[in-house]
Amino acid sequence: MTVYDTAVETLAGEPTTLREYADGPLLVVNVASKCGLTPQYAGLQQLHESYGPRGLHVLGFPCNQFMGQEPGTPEEIQQFCSTNYEVTFPLFAKIDVNGPHRHPLYAELTPVPDAQGNAGDVQWNFEKFLVAPDGTVTRFRPRTEPSAPEVVDAIEAALAG
């Protein structure tokens, strides 16, 4: 199985897979609206606007596992994201990224180590996984801003790929 075959639900509750995004790299991010890192939504939206036309797909997966920082309903999440950050990239149904109910997508992603060689559980909201079209995954920890040079360089490499 690849991440593209993983069953997911849209924020509206409709079943789908990530297959429709298989034409370019994916930036998979667990997001939350009441977190100190929530302003990263702006950077993610900027990546979507800058690199989306070249094939990058920014995909947000709300998660309430970190101090209950995403308590909202799907409608509240959508409203918050569009009102506060003008988010236009796809958001999906709330999921668990760690623990016994970890979503299969994150079961595929979390074994990938970060730049320091550490794999395993997602540390916090806004952890980023860049999935290149060839299946290579690059992991960026939560405090790494979407605009950080290492993220941008990895996106450029995945797009050139």
Protein backbone atom coordinates (compact mmCIF):
# COMPACT_ATOMS: atom_id res chain seq x y z
CA MET A 1 0.00 0.00 0.00
CA THR A 2 1.13 3.54 -0.68
CA VAL A 3 -0.06 6.73 1.00
CA TYR A 4 -2.03 7.44 -2.17
CA ASP A 5 -4.21 4.38 -1.58
CA THR A 6 -4.97 5.24 2.03
CA ALA A 7 -8.66 5.73 2.75
CA VAL A 8 -9.38 9.19 4.17
CA GLU A 9 -12.43 11.37 4.70
CA THR A 10 -12.82 14.91 3.53
CA LEU A 11 -13.69 17.53 6.14
CA ALA A 12 -17.25 17.25 4.82
CA GLY A 13 -17.22 13.55 5.76
CA GLU A 14 -16.98 12.08 2.27
CA PRO A 15 -14.81 8.96 1.82
CA THR A 16 -11.91 9.26 -0.61
CA THR A 17 -8.23 8.41 -1.03
CA LEU A 18 -5.21 10.54 -1.72
CA ARG A 19 -5.01 9.08 -5.25
CA GLU A 20 -6.30 12.33 -6.78
CA TYR A 21 -3.13 14.01 -5.49
CA ALA A 22 -0.72 11.44 -6.96
CA ASP A 23 0.36 13.84 -9.73
CA GLY A 24 2.71 15.76 -7.43
CA PRO A 25 4.36 15.87 -4.04
CA LEU A 26 2.19 15.94 -0.91
CA LEU A 27 2.84 18.02 2.19
CA VAL A 28 0.84 16.20 4.88
CA VAL A 29 0.38 18.23 8.06
CA ASN A 30 -1.55 17.54 11.27
CA VAL A 31 -3.20 20.88 12.07
CA ALA A 32 -5.02 22.50 15.01
CA SER A 33 -6.79 25.81 15.48
CA LYS A 34 -5.99 26.52 19.14
CA CYS A 35 -2.24 25.93 19.20
CA GLY A 36 0.70 28.27 19.55
CA LEU A 37 1.81 27.00 16.13
CA THR A 38 -1.56 27.72 14.49
CA PRO A 39 -0.13 30.76 12.66
CA GLN A 40 1.71 28.21 10.49
CA TYR A 41 -1.56 27.96 8.58
CA ALA A 42 -0.48 31.20 6.86
CA GLY A 43 2.80 29.65 5.75
CA LEU A 44 1.07 26.49 4.57
CA GLN A 45 -1.37 28.58 2.55
CA GLN A 46 1.56 30.48 1.05
CA LEU A 47 3.19 27.19 0.00
CA HIS A 48 -0.13 26.12 -1.51
CA GLU A 49 -0.37 29.35 -3.51
CA SER A 50 3.30 29.40 -4.56
CA TYR A 51 3.87 25.74 -5.36
CA GLY A 52 0.35 24.44 -6.00
CA PRO A 53 0.43 25.51 -9.64
CA ARG A 54 3.65 23.48 -10.02
CA GLY A 55 2.07 20.37 -8.49
CA LEU A 56 2.51 20.55 -4.70
CA HIS A 57 -0.53 19.46 -2.68
CA VAL A 58 -0.73 20.80 0.88
CA LEU A 59 -3.09 18.54 2.86
CA GLY A 60 -4.30 19.40 6.36
CA PHE A 61 -5.40 16.74 8.83
CA PRO A 62 -6.97 18.23 11.98
CA CYS A 63 -5.96 16.41 15.15
CA ASN A 64 -7.20 16.90 18.71
CA GLN A 65 -4.58 14.69 20.42
CA PHE A 66 -2.34 17.46 21.69
CA MET A 67 -3.95 19.16 24.72
CA GLY A 68 -7.31 19.25 22.94
CA GLN A 69 -6.16 22.01 20.60
CA GLU A 70 -8.55 21.06 17.79
CA PRO A 71 -11.92 20.66 19.54
CA GLY A 72 -14.05 22.05 16.71
CA THR A 73 -16.63 20.42 14.50
CA PRO A 74 -15.80 20.10 10.80
CA GLU A 75 -17.85 23.25 10.14
CA GLU A 76 -16.03 25.18 12.89
CA ILE A 77 -12.64 24.04 11.60
CA GLN A 78 -13.48 25.11 8.04
CA GLN A 79 -14.85 28.45 9.23
CA PHE A 80 -11.81 29.13 11.42
CA CYS A 81 -9.33 28.27 8.66
CA SER A 82 -11.06 30.25 5.93
CA THR A 83 -11.83 33.28 8.11
CA ASN A 84 -8.48 33.59 9.89
CA TYR A 85 -6.01 32.26 7.32
CA GLU A 86 -7.93 32.18 4.03
CA VAL A 87 -7.05 28.48 3.72
CA THR A 88 -7.91 27.03 0.33
CA PHE A 89 -5.86 23.82 0.50
CA PRO A 90 -7.77 20.61 1.28
CA LEU A 91 -8.63 19.80 4.87
CA PHE A 92 -9.67 16.33 5.91
CA ALA A 93 -11.65 14.79 8.76
CA LYS A 94 -10.14 14.93 12.23
CA ILE A 95 -7.85 11.94 12.89
CA ASP A 96 -5.49 10.49 15.48
CA VAL A 97 -1.84 10.62 14.47
CA ASN A 98 -0.50 8.65 17.48
CA GLY A 99 -1.63 5.82 19.71
CA PRO A 100 -3.83 2.78 19.25
CA HIS A 101 -6.23 4.59 16.90
CA ARG A 102 -3.48 6.11 14.74
CA HIS A 103 -4.82 6.69 11.23
CA PRO A 104 -3.31 4.34 8.60
CA LEU A 105 -1.82 7.35 6.79
CA TYR A 106 0.23 8.21 9.86
CA ALA A 107 1.07 4.53 10.41
CA GLU A 108 2.81 4.81 7.01
CA LEU A 109 4.49 8.15 7.76
CA THR A 110 5.67 7.97 11.39
CA PRO A 111 8.38 5.31 10.83
CA VAL A 112 10.22 7.90 8.70
CA PRO A 113 13.01 9.60 10.67
CA ASP A 114 13.52 13.36 10.80
CA ALA A 115 16.83 15.07 9.91
CA GLN A 116 18.29 14.02 13.29
CA GLY A 117 17.40 10.37 12.66
CA ASN A 118 14.43 10.26 15.07
CA ALA A 119 11.30 8.40 13.95
CA GLY A 120 8.16 7.46 15.83
CA ASP A 121 5.24 9.41 17.20
CA VAL A 122 4.28 12.84 15.95
CA GLN A 123 5.60 15.33 18.52
CA TRP A 124 2.93 18.03 18.27
CA ASN A 125 0.59 19.86 15.93
CA PHE A 126 1.99 21.02 12.58
CA GLU A 127 4.47 18.19 12.05
CA LYS A 128 5.06 18.01 8.30
CA PHE A 129 5.69 15.05 5.99
CA LEU A 130 6.69 15.76 2.40
CA VAL A 131 5.89 12.77 0.19
CA ALA A 132 7.68 12.98 -3.17
CA PRO A 133 6.08 11.37 -6.24
CA ASP A 134 8.66 8.54 -6.04
CA GLY A 135 7.45 7.74 -2.50
CA THR A 136 10.39 9.28 -0.66
CA VAL A 137 9.25 10.93 2.58
CA THR A 138 10.98 13.84 4.31
CA ARG A 139 9.89 14.70 7.86
CA PHE A 140 9.91 18.12 9.45
CA ARG A 141 9.15 18.61 13.12
CA PRO A 142 6.42 21.01 14.32
CA ARG A 143 8.56 24.07 15.01
CA THR A 144 10.00 23.99 11.49
CA GLU A 145 8.15 26.80 9.73
CA PRO A 146 6.61 26.06 6.32
CA SER A 147 8.87 28.75 4.84
CA ALA A 148 12.09 27.31 6.34
CA PRO A 149 14.85 26.83 3.77
CA GLU A 150 14.99 23.07 4.38
CA VAL A 151 11.25 22.74 3.65
CA VAL A 152 11.39 24.92 0.54
CA ASP A 153 14.51 23.13 -0.74
CA ALA A 154 12.85 19.73 -0.23
CA ILE A 155 9.72 20.91 -2.06
CA GLU A 156 11.79 22.22 -4.95
CA ALA A 157 13.67 18.92 -5.15
CA ALA A 158 10.42 16.90 -5.05
CA LEU A 159 8.95 19.07 -7.81
CA ALA A 160 12.08 18.68 -9.93
CA GLY A 161 12.10 15.03 -9.25
